[in-house]
């Protein structure tokens, strides 16, 4: 009993010790994105627990585009837009700023250096290579095909150009993808979400009508992998049978050529494009829609939009891709269909239109599922992993000989 109490006290003391933590982002904080929001939210949560946080990142603006609260932000110049995984990544290739980062890591001697997308050139790779601290990488990316730059770096990475003491993946698909190029032991710790922000009732957007069956799509409409064309196709198969059916598209960008073709050929002149909305406005769309549509075609490591919809108790129609299947189960929180199959998507939508009770049940089950993604729970797992890895022998940093 005495030993048990001593052990509990020891673990409690370790978990309460203040840590100096650097969160390293390869992506420009002047542009919003999933990884940047993850870093900002995790940093705020850890700082609220008494730890000392710094975010190290390229940033082309004096003000970050994501809410970092009172977290210390250290910026390292401008970024360059690079096409990757069906999107645009804004990363730094500045040799001068990489040298600055190396010197900062050596001088600051953080307890933990936590690098997000540690294989991403050049900022994250520099941190991975030269950090003298306990260094942990979180792998966010997933791609069904070749690795968008990972293949180019594979031989370099596995010859010691990157060194990590611990590795986190945000999902099983992300783990499998990273392990394909950089083999090792990975701990799956999911992305987090401010569940209360999406579940606390807010006002109904004016474009959503009480007498309509409102369907909402959320995503950048100019990225084909978000699947807008398939949402439009499914809508066109149902709108004449259900005249009160309404499709509302939330997200920035201009629809791609194929989406325009479908709208023109099928006379879809009633689709409502609301454009990008603020973080304060977004929960209202999730909460007040009857059916949420997620027709993404792939390259999603994690279902952010899926757990946002779950938080709002909204029934989901989603394509059965690995990133979405890692956070939802077909028939529990929503219905899944084969990717790029607009007929199968239309059939799933029709089931929910004709069965309001099923819509309610899916919403209830989704709200119960999503609690595991609350930031306080995710942060508990991250801190536990920090402590676990901190007890192991460090991998020494590389000696600088140039790239």
Protein backbone atom coordinates (compact mmCIF):
# COMPACT_ATOMS: atom_id res chain seq x y z
CA UNK A 1 0.00 0.00 0.00
CA UNK A 2 2.87 2.34 0.87
CA UNK A 3 4.49 1.63 -2.51
CA UNK A 4 1.19 2.22 -4.31
CA UNK A 5 0.77 5.63 -2.69
CA UNK A 6 4.37 6.56 -3.49
CA UNK A 7 3.84 5.60 -7.15
CA UNK A 8 0.67 7.65 -7.41
CA UNK A 9 2.42 10.67 -5.88
CA UNK A 10 5.38 10.28 -8.24
CA UNK A 11 3.15 10.15 -11.36
CA UNK A 12 1.10 13.09 -10.07
CA UNK A 13 4.26 15.16 -9.48
CA UNK A 14 5.58 14.35 -12.97
CA UNK A 15 2.30 15.24 -14.67
CA UNK A 16 2.12 18.55 -12.77
CA UNK A 17 5.70 19.61 -13.65
CA UNK A 18 5.77 22.68 -15.86
CA UNK A 19 7.23 21.93 -19.28
CA UNK A 20 8.72 24.33 -21.81
CA UNK A 21 7.23 23.14 -25.10
CA UNK A 22 7.87 24.29 -28.66
CA UNK A 23 5.21 23.44 -31.24
CA UNK A 24 6.78 23.59 -34.71
CA UNK A 25 4.63 24.15 -37.81
CA UNK A 26 5.98 23.85 -41.36
CA UNK A 27 2.87 25.65 -42.62
CA UNK A 28 2.43 29.41 -42.72
CA UNK A 29 0.30 30.66 -39.81
CA UNK A 30 -0.90 33.58 -41.95
CA UNK A 31 -3.14 31.09 -43.77
CA UNK A 32 -5.74 28.98 -41.93
CA UNK A 33 -5.51 25.21 -42.20
CA UNK A 34 -6.22 22.05 -40.26
CA UNK A 35 -2.65 21.57 -39.01
CA UNK A 36 -2.34 25.20 -37.93
CA UNK A 37 -5.65 25.01 -36.03
CA UNK A 38 -4.53 21.76 -34.39
CA UNK A 39 -1.28 23.36 -33.21
CA UNK A 40 -3.02 26.50 -31.94
CA UNK A 41 -5.73 24.57 -30.05
CA UNK A 42 -3.29 22.09 -28.51
CA UNK A 43 -0.98 24.94 -27.48
CA UNK A 44 -3.81 26.88 -25.81
CA UNK A 45 -4.96 23.77 -23.93
CA UNK A 46 -1.45 22.92 -22.69
CA UNK A 47 -0.75 26.52 -21.70
CA UNK A 48 -4.02 26.63 -19.74
CA UNK A 49 -2.63 23.72 -17.71
CA UNK A 50 0.41 25.72 -16.66
CA UNK A 51 2.95 24.71 -19.29
CA UNK A 52 5.03 27.26 -21.19
CA UNK A 53 4.27 27.15 -24.93
CA UNK A 54 5.91 28.66 -27.98
CA UNK A 55 4.78 28.20 -31.59
CA UNK A 56 7.59 28.31 -34.17
CA UNK A 57 6.33 28.85 -37.71
CA UNK A 58 6.71 30.66 -41.02
CA UNK A 59 4.27 33.59 -41.14
CA UNK A 60 3.93 36.11 -43.96
CA UNK A 61 1.72 38.44 -41.91
CA UNK A 62 2.08 40.29 -38.63
CA UNK A 63 -1.09 38.59 -37.41
CA UNK A 64 -1.79 34.83 -37.53
CA UNK A 65 -4.96 33.68 -39.28
CA UNK A 66 -5.85 31.27 -36.45
CA UNK A 67 -6.61 32.00 -32.81
CA UNK A 68 -3.50 31.36 -30.69
CA UNK A 69 -4.82 33.10 -27.57
CA UNK A 70 -1.90 34.22 -25.41
CA UNK A 71 0.58 31.67 -26.74
CA UNK A 72 4.06 32.96 -27.63
CA UNK A 73 4.38 33.09 -31.44
CA UNK A 74 7.83 33.14 -33.03
CA UNK A 75 7.76 33.75 -36.76
CA UNK A 76 10.33 32.85 -39.41
CA UNK A 77 9.61 34.81 -42.56
CA UNK A 78 7.58 34.17 -45.65
CA UNK A 79 6.38 30.96 -47.29
CA UNK A 80 6.03 29.61 -50.81
CA UNK A 81 2.79 27.98 -52.08
CA UNK A 82 3.39 24.37 -53.19
CA UNK A 83 0.68 22.06 -54.65
CA UNK A 84 0.35 18.93 -52.49
CA UNK A 85 -2.29 16.23 -51.92
CA UNK A 86 -4.91 18.07 -53.95
CA UNK A 87 -4.42 21.30 -51.99
CA UNK A 88 -1.85 24.08 -51.52
CA UNK A 89 0.79 23.93 -48.78
CA UNK A 90 2.55 27.18 -47.89
CA UNK A 91 6.01 26.24 -46.59
CA UNK A 92 9.40 27.89 -46.12
CA UNK A 93 12.53 27.17 -48.16
CA UNK A 94 14.63 29.96 -46.63
CA UNK A 95 18.12 28.76 -45.68
CA UNK A 96 18.55 31.83 -43.46
CA UNK A 97 15.43 31.06 -41.44
CA UNK A 98 16.38 27.39 -41.13
CA UNK A 99 19.69 28.52 -39.60
CA UNK A 100 17.79 30.83 -37.22
CA UNK A 101 15.57 27.93 -36.19
CA UNK A 102 18.58 25.65 -35.55
CA UNK A 103 20.22 28.28 -33.33
CA UNK A 104 17.00 28.97 -31.44
CA UNK A 105 16.46 25.31 -30.63
CA UNK A 106 20.05 25.02 -29.38
CA UNK A 107 19.83 28.17 -27.26
CA UNK A 108 16.35 27.71 -25.79
CA UNK A 109 16.77 24.06 -24.72
CA UNK A 110 13.03 23.32 -24.65
CA UNK A 111 11.88 20.29 -22.65
CA UNK A 112 9.79 19.13 -25.62
CA UNK A 113 10.04 20.05 -29.30
CA UNK A 114 6.84 18.86 -30.95
CA UNK A 115 7.06 18.99 -34.75
CA UNK A 116 3.97 18.69 -36.92
CA UNK A 117 4.49 17.03 -40.32
CA UNK A 118 8.19 16.46 -39.51
CA UNK A 119 8.95 15.16 -43.01
CA UNK A 120 7.87 18.42 -44.65
CA UNK A 121 10.77 20.42 -46.11
CA UNK A 122 12.52 22.50 -45.03
CA UNK A 123 11.42 24.10 -41.75
CA UNK A 124 10.10 20.94 -40.07
CA UNK A 125 12.99 18.83 -41.36
CA UNK A 126 15.46 21.31 -39.89
CA UNK A 127 13.79 21.07 -36.49
CA UNK A 128 13.73 17.27 -36.73
CA UNK A 129 17.39 17.11 -37.63
CA UNK A 130 18.89 19.54 -35.14
CA UNK A 131 16.64 19.68 -32.07
CA UNK A 132 18.72 18.83 -28.97
CA UNK A 133 15.58 18.28 -26.88
CA UNK A 134 13.13 15.42 -26.54
CA UNK A 135 11.61 15.62 -30.02
CA UNK A 136 8.22 14.28 -31.04
CA UNK A 137 6.62 14.34 -34.47
CA UNK A 138 2.92 14.32 -35.30
CA UNK A 139 2.06 12.96 -38.76
CA UNK A 140 -1.15 14.44 -40.19
CA UNK A 141 -0.97 13.56 -43.89
CA UNK A 142 -2.57 10.75 -45.84
CA UNK A 143 -2.56 9.93 -49.53
CA UNK A 144 -3.87 6.83 -51.28
CA UNK A 145 -1.25 7.18 -53.99
CA UNK A 146 2.37 8.27 -53.94
CA UNK A 147 3.58 10.49 -51.16
CA UNK A 148 3.74 14.01 -52.59
CA UNK A 149 7.39 14.58 -51.81
CA UNK A 150 7.74 11.78 -49.27
CA UNK A 151 9.11 9.48 -51.99
CA UNK A 152 11.76 12.05 -52.95
CA UNK A 153 12.99 12.25 -49.36
CA UNK A 154 12.68 8.56 -48.47
CA UNK A 155 16.34 7.60 -48.89
CA UNK A 156 17.56 10.76 -47.15
CA UNK A 157 15.16 10.36 -44.23
CA UNK A 158 16.08 6.78 -43.55
CA UNK A 159 19.81 7.59 -43.59
CA UNK A 160 19.46 9.73 -40.48
CA UNK A 161 18.57 13.17 -41.87
CA UNK A 162 15.60 13.12 -39.50
CA UNK A 163 15.64 12.10 -35.84
CA UNK A 164 12.63 11.74 -33.56
CA UNK A 165 12.27 10.32 -30.08
CA UNK A 166 8.55 9.71 -30.49
CA UNK A 167 5.99 9.60 -33.29
CA UNK A 168 2.28 10.39 -33.19
CA UNK A 169 -0.20 9.84 -36.04
CA UNK A 170 -3.63 11.48 -36.01
CA UNK A 171 -5.35 8.35 -37.35
CA UNK A 172 -4.66 4.81 -38.49
CA UNK A 173 -4.56 5.92 -42.16
CA UNK A 174 -2.02 8.62 -41.29
CA UNK A 175 0.02 6.05 -39.36
CA UNK A 176 0.04 3.61 -42.29
CA UNK A 177 0.98 6.37 -44.72
CA UNK A 178 3.88 7.68 -42.62
CA UNK A 179 5.13 4.17 -41.86
CA UNK A 180 5.36 3.52 -45.58
CA UNK A 181 8.14 6.10 -45.87
CA UNK A 182 9.56 6.41 -42.36
CA UNK A 183 9.26 3.13 -40.52
CA UNK A 184 8.94 3.07 -36.74
CA UNK A 185 6.59 2.89 -33.77
CA UNK A 186 3.67 5.32 -33.91
CA UNK A 187 1.11 6.24 -31.27
CA UNK A 188 -2.32 7.14 -32.67
CA UNK A 189 -3.68 10.24 -30.92
CA UNK A 190 -6.54 11.87 -32.83
CA UNK A 191 -7.09 15.50 -33.66
CA UNK A 192 -9.06 17.43 -31.09
CA UNK A 193 -12.13 19.61 -31.39
CA UNK A 194 -13.82 22.33 -29.36
CA UNK A 195 -17.00 20.29 -29.11
CA UNK A 196 -18.87 22.93 -27.14
CA UNK A 197 -18.36 25.49 -29.91
CA UNK A 198 -20.34 23.32 -32.30
CA UNK A 199 -22.91 22.01 -29.81
CA UNK A 200 -23.88 25.29 -28.10
CA UNK A 201 -26.98 26.59 -29.96
CA UNK A 202 -26.49 29.62 -32.19
CA UNK A 203 -28.82 31.51 -34.52
CA UNK A 204 -30.04 29.91 -37.72
CA UNK A 205 -28.50 31.22 -40.97
CA UNK A 206 -31.03 33.18 -43.00
CA UNK A 207 -30.53 31.01 -46.10
CA UNK A 208 -31.91 27.97 -44.25
CA UNK A 209 -35.71 27.76 -44.41
CA UNK A 210 -38.02 26.00 -41.97
CA UNK A 211 -40.15 24.48 -44.73
CA UNK A 212 -37.16 23.01 -46.60
CA UNK A 213 -35.09 19.85 -46.22
CA UNK A 214 -31.75 21.59 -45.85
CA UNK A 215 -28.56 19.79 -46.91
CA UNK A 216 -25.17 21.40 -46.23
CA UNK A 217 -21.77 20.83 -47.83
CA UNK A 218 -18.69 22.37 -46.12
CA UNK A 219 -15.34 22.58 -47.90
CA UNK A 220 -13.20 24.51 -50.36
CA UNK A 221 -15.27 24.32 -53.52
CA UNK A 222 -12.30 24.70 -55.87
CA UNK A 223 -10.65 21.48 -54.65
CA UNK A 224 -11.97 18.45 -56.58
CA UNK A 225 -11.07 16.07 -53.71
CA UNK A 226 -13.75 17.73 -51.55
CA UNK A 227 -16.28 16.11 -53.89
CA UNK A 228 -18.68 18.99 -54.57
CA UNK A 229 -19.47 17.59 -58.03
CA UNK A 230 -20.86 14.40 -56.44
CA UNK A 231 -23.03 16.35 -54.01
CA UNK A 232 -24.39 18.28 -56.99
CA UNK A 233 -24.96 15.06 -58.93
CA UNK A 234 -26.84 13.41 -56.05
CA UNK A 235 -28.92 16.55 -55.54
CA UNK A 236 -29.88 16.57 -59.22
CA UNK A 237 -31.22 13.00 -58.89
CA UNK A 238 -33.50 13.95 -56.01
CA UNK A 239 -34.62 17.56 -56.42
CA UNK A 240 -37.55 16.82 -58.74
CA UNK A 241 -38.89 14.09 -56.43
CA UNK A 242 -38.47 16.34 -53.37
CA UNK A 243 -39.22 19.93 -54.43
CA UNK A 244 -38.47 21.28 -50.93
CA UNK A 245 -34.96 19.80 -50.95
CA UNK A 246 -32.28 22.49 -50.72
CA UNK A 247 -28.48 22.28 -51.15
CA UNK A 248 -26.35 24.89 -49.36
CA UNK A 249 -22.62 25.06 -50.10
CA UNK A 250 -20.33 26.62 -47.48
CA UNK A 251 -16.70 27.30 -48.37
CA UNK A 252 -14.36 29.55 -50.28
CA UNK A 253 -13.16 29.33 -53.85
CA UNK A 254 -14.76 29.04 -57.28
CA UNK A 255 -16.38 25.71 -58.28
CA UNK A 256 -14.27 23.61 -60.61
CA UNK A 257 -15.14 23.09 -64.26
CA UNK A 258 -16.87 19.74 -63.69
CA UNK A 259 -19.16 21.24 -61.02
CA UNK A 260 -20.11 24.06 -63.38
CA UNK A 261 -20.82 21.52 -66.13
CA UNK A 262 -23.17 19.51 -63.90
CA UNK A 263 -25.03 22.61 -62.74
CA UNK A 264 -25.45 23.79 -66.31
CA UNK A 265 -26.50 20.49 -67.87
CA UNK A 266 -28.90 19.58 -65.04
CA UNK A 267 -30.38 23.05 -64.51
CA UNK A 268 -29.19 23.35 -60.91
CA UNK A 269 -29.81 27.07 -60.65
CA UNK A 270 -31.13 26.91 -57.08
CA UNK A 271 -27.96 25.73 -55.30
CA UNK A 272 -27.04 28.30 -52.63
CA UNK A 273 -23.34 29.22 -52.46
CA UNK A 274 -22.73 31.23 -49.29
CA UNK A 275 -18.95 31.43 -49.67
CA UNK A 276 -16.55 31.31 -46.72
CA UNK A 277 -18.06 31.93 -43.27
CA UNK A 278 -16.50 32.97 -39.99
CA UNK A 279 -15.68 30.55 -37.18
CA UNK A 280 -18.59 32.07 -35.23
CA UNK A 281 -21.04 31.47 -38.10
CA UNK A 282 -20.01 27.93 -39.05
CA UNK A 283 -21.70 26.06 -36.14
CA UNK A 284 -25.07 27.50 -37.19
CA UNK A 285 -24.88 25.69 -40.52
CA UNK A 286 -24.07 22.35 -38.89
CA UNK A 287 -26.74 22.72 -36.20
CA UNK A 288 -29.61 23.71 -38.46
CA UNK A 289 -29.13 21.41 -41.41
CA UNK A 290 -31.25 18.29 -41.77
CA UNK A 291 -28.50 16.29 -43.53
CA UNK A 292 -24.77 16.97 -43.68
CA UNK A 293 -22.96 15.91 -46.87
CA UNK A 294 -19.31 14.82 -46.96
CA UNK A 295 -18.65 13.44 -50.48
CA UNK A 296 -14.84 13.79 -50.32
CA UNK A 297 -12.96 11.52 -52.70
CA UNK A 298 -9.83 10.82 -50.62
CA UNK A 299 -6.52 12.18 -49.28
CA UNK A 300 -8.17 12.93 -45.93
CA UNK A 301 -6.19 11.62 -42.96
CA UNK A 302 -8.93 12.51 -40.49
CA UNK A 303 -12.60 13.48 -40.62
CA UNK A 304 -12.59 17.02 -39.23
CA UNK A 305 -15.88 17.93 -40.87
CA UNK A 306 -17.33 14.63 -39.68
CA UNK A 307 -16.65 15.29 -35.99
CA UNK A 308 -17.82 18.89 -36.37
CA UNK A 309 -21.16 17.59 -37.66
CA UNK A 310 -21.30 15.01 -34.85
CA UNK A 311 -20.81 17.78 -32.29
CA UNK A 312 -23.88 19.53 -33.69
CA UNK A 313 -25.95 16.29 -33.50
CA UNK A 314 -26.34 16.32 -37.27
CA UNK A 315 -26.89 13.13 -39.32
CA UNK A 316 -24.13 12.55 -41.85
CA UNK A 317 -23.90 11.21 -45.39
CA UNK A 318 -20.21 10.51 -46.06
CA UNK A 319 -18.05 8.79 -48.61
CA UNK A 320 -16.43 5.62 -47.32
CA UNK A 321 -12.80 6.77 -47.38
CA UNK A 322 -10.20 5.77 -44.76
CA UNK A 323 -10.00 9.18 -43.08
CA UNK A 324 -13.75 9.30 -42.51
CA UNK A 325 -14.09 5.61 -41.62
CA UNK A 326 -11.53 6.18 -38.85
CA UNK A 327 -13.97 8.45 -36.97
CA UNK A 328 -17.44 7.17 -37.91
CA UNK A 329 -19.25 3.88 -38.44
CA UNK A 330 -21.73 3.30 -41.24
CA UNK A 331 -25.23 3.11 -39.76
CA UNK A 332 -24.24 4.58 -36.39
CA UNK A 333 -23.41 8.30 -36.76
CA UNK A 334 -24.40 8.44 -40.41
CA UNK A 335 -24.60 6.55 -43.67
CA UNK A 336 -21.58 5.89 -45.88
CA UNK A 337 -21.44 5.32 -49.63
CA UNK A 338 -18.80 4.34 -52.17
CA UNK A 339 -16.65 7.35 -53.14
CA UNK A 340 -17.55 9.09 -56.41
CA UNK A 341 -20.88 7.25 -56.67
CA UNK A 342 -23.56 9.93 -56.92
CA UNK A 343 -26.35 7.35 -57.28
CA UNK A 344 -25.34 5.61 -54.04
CA UNK A 345 -25.11 8.98 -52.35
CA UNK A 346 -28.59 9.92 -53.58
CA UNK A 347 -29.98 6.61 -52.26
CA UNK A 348 -28.49 7.29 -48.80
CA UNK A 349 -29.92 10.82 -48.78
CA UNK A 350 -33.33 9.48 -49.76
CA UNK A 351 -33.27 7.06 -46.80
CA UNK A 352 -32.77 9.98 -44.41
CA UNK A 353 -35.37 12.18 -46.11
CA UNK A 354 -38.01 9.47 -45.70
CA UNK A 355 -37.00 8.41 -42.17
CA UNK A 356 -36.86 11.42 -39.79
CA UNK A 357 -36.52 9.02 -36.85
CA UNK A 358 -33.31 7.64 -38.31
CA UNK A 359 -31.96 11.17 -38.72
CA UNK A 360 -32.58 11.84 -35.04
CA UNK A 361 -30.95 8.58 -33.94
CA UNK A 362 -27.85 9.16 -36.05
CA UNK A 363 -27.53 12.65 -34.59
CA UNK A 364 -27.81 11.35 -31.03
CA UNK A 365 -25.22 8.62 -31.64
CA UNK A 366 -22.85 11.07 -33.27
CA UNK A 367 -23.06 13.45 -30.32
CA UNK A 368 -22.19 10.56 -27.97
CA UNK A 369 -19.24 9.46 -30.14
CA UNK A 370 -17.60 12.87 -30.48
CA UNK A 371 -16.77 13.42 -26.80
CA UNK A 372 -13.59 11.38 -27.21
CA UNK A 373 -12.24 14.16 -29.44
CA UNK A 374 -12.57 16.94 -26.85
CA UNK A 375 -9.31 18.84 -26.52
CA UNK A 376 -8.99 18.11 -22.81
CA UNK A 377 -9.02 14.36 -23.53
CA UNK A 378 -6.66 14.65 -26.49
CA UNK A 379 -4.27 16.83 -24.46
CA UNK A 380 -4.25 14.21 -21.69
CA UNK A 381 -3.02 11.65 -24.21
CA UNK A 382 -0.40 14.02 -25.65
CA UNK A 383 0.98 14.88 -22.19
CA UNK A 384 1.04 11.21 -21.27
CA UNK A 385 3.07 10.50 -24.40
CA UNK A 386 5.46 13.38 -23.62
CA UNK A 387 6.13 11.81 -20.21
CA UNK A 388 6.52 8.33 -21.68
CA UNK A 389 9.02 9.44 -24.32
CA UNK A 390 10.83 11.78 -21.92
CA UNK A 391 11.90 8.75 -19.88
CA UNK A 392 13.74 7.23 -22.85
CA UNK A 393 17.26 7.89 -24.04
CA UNK A 394 17.46 10.81 -26.48
CA UNK A 395 18.47 10.43 -30.10
CA UNK A 396 21.35 12.91 -30.51
CA UNK A 397 20.89 15.77 -32.99
CA UNK A 398 22.74 15.76 -36.29
CA UNK A 399 26.02 17.58 -36.76
CA UNK A 400 25.64 20.44 -39.21
CA UNK A 401 27.39 19.77 -42.52
CA UNK A 402 24.83 21.46 -44.73
CA UNK A 403 22.00 19.79 -46.59
